Amino acid sequence: MAKKNDTGFQSSAGLMRYFDTEDDKGLKISPKTVIGIAIVVSVVVLLANTLFPI
């Protein structure tokens, strides 16, 4: 019977290194802004469905 090769730590090390880096070039959006945009879009869709039924 073959021995079980446990390589969990080595495979997760690359992911940890990937998520450990911070990218300062990306767009920064606060969580409150994302929730606000989601609420506004939901209200617009509901109003559009009410005003313009198919």
Protein backbone atom coordinates (compact mmCIF):
# COMPACT_ATOMS: atom_id res chain seq x y z
CA MET A 1 0.00 0.00 0.00
CA ALA A 2 1.37 3.43 -0.94
CA LYS A 3 2.17 5.97 1.73
CA LYS A 4 -0.10 9.00 1.94
CA ASN A 5 1.75 12.14 0.90
CA ASP A 6 0.53 15.10 2.97
CA THR A 7 1.22 18.31 1.01
CA GLY A 8 -1.46 20.55 2.54
CA PHE A 9 0.92 23.08 4.03
CA GLN A 10 2.95 23.55 0.87
CA SER A 11 -0.13 24.03 -1.30
CA SER A 12 -1.69 26.57 1.07
CA ALA A 13 1.52 28.59 1.33
CA GLY A 14 1.02 30.00 -2.17
CA LEU A 15 -2.52 31.12 -1.35
CA MET A 16 -1.36 32.79 1.84
CA ARG A 17 1.33 34.64 -0.07
CA TYR A 18 -1.22 35.67 -2.76
CA PHE A 19 -3.77 37.04 -0.28
CA ASP A 20 -1.08 38.62 1.89
CA THR A 21 -0.13 41.20 -0.73
CA GLU A 22 -2.03 44.46 -0.79
CA ASP A 23 -2.78 46.26 -4.01
CA ASP A 24 -2.79 50.05 -3.62
CA LYS A 25 -3.71 50.63 -7.26
CA GLY A 26 -7.27 49.30 -7.00
CA LEU A 27 -10.47 51.23 -6.38
CA LYS A 28 -11.36 51.49 -2.70
CA ILE A 29 -15.09 51.37 -1.88
CA SER A 30 -16.39 51.36 1.67
CA PRO A 31 -18.86 48.64 2.71
CA LYS A 32 -21.50 51.28 3.48
CA THR A 33 -21.29 52.53 -0.11
CA VAL A 34 -21.79 49.02 -1.49
CA ILE A 35 -24.84 48.46 0.70
CA GLY A 36 -26.24 51.87 -0.28
CA ILE A 37 -25.81 51.13 -3.99
CA ALA A 38 -27.52 47.75 -3.55
CA ILE A 39 -30.50 49.37 -1.81
CA VAL A 40 -30.81 52.09 -4.47
CA VAL A 41 -30.66 49.55 -7.31
CA SER A 42 -33.30 47.40 -5.57
CA VAL A 43 -35.64 50.38 -5.19
CA VAL A 44 -35.16 51.38 -8.84
CA VAL A 45 -35.94 47.83 -10.01
CA LEU A 46 -39.06 47.64 -7.84
CA LEU A 47 -40.28 51.04 -9.06
CA ALA A 48 -39.61 50.12 -12.69
CA ASN A 49 -41.55 46.87 -12.21
CA THR A 50 -44.48 48.79 -10.68
CA LEU A 51 -44.54 51.64 -13.21
CA PHE A 52 -43.84 49.58 -16.32
CA PRO A 53 -45.44 46.13 -15.91
CA ILE A 54 -44.84 43.67 -18.71
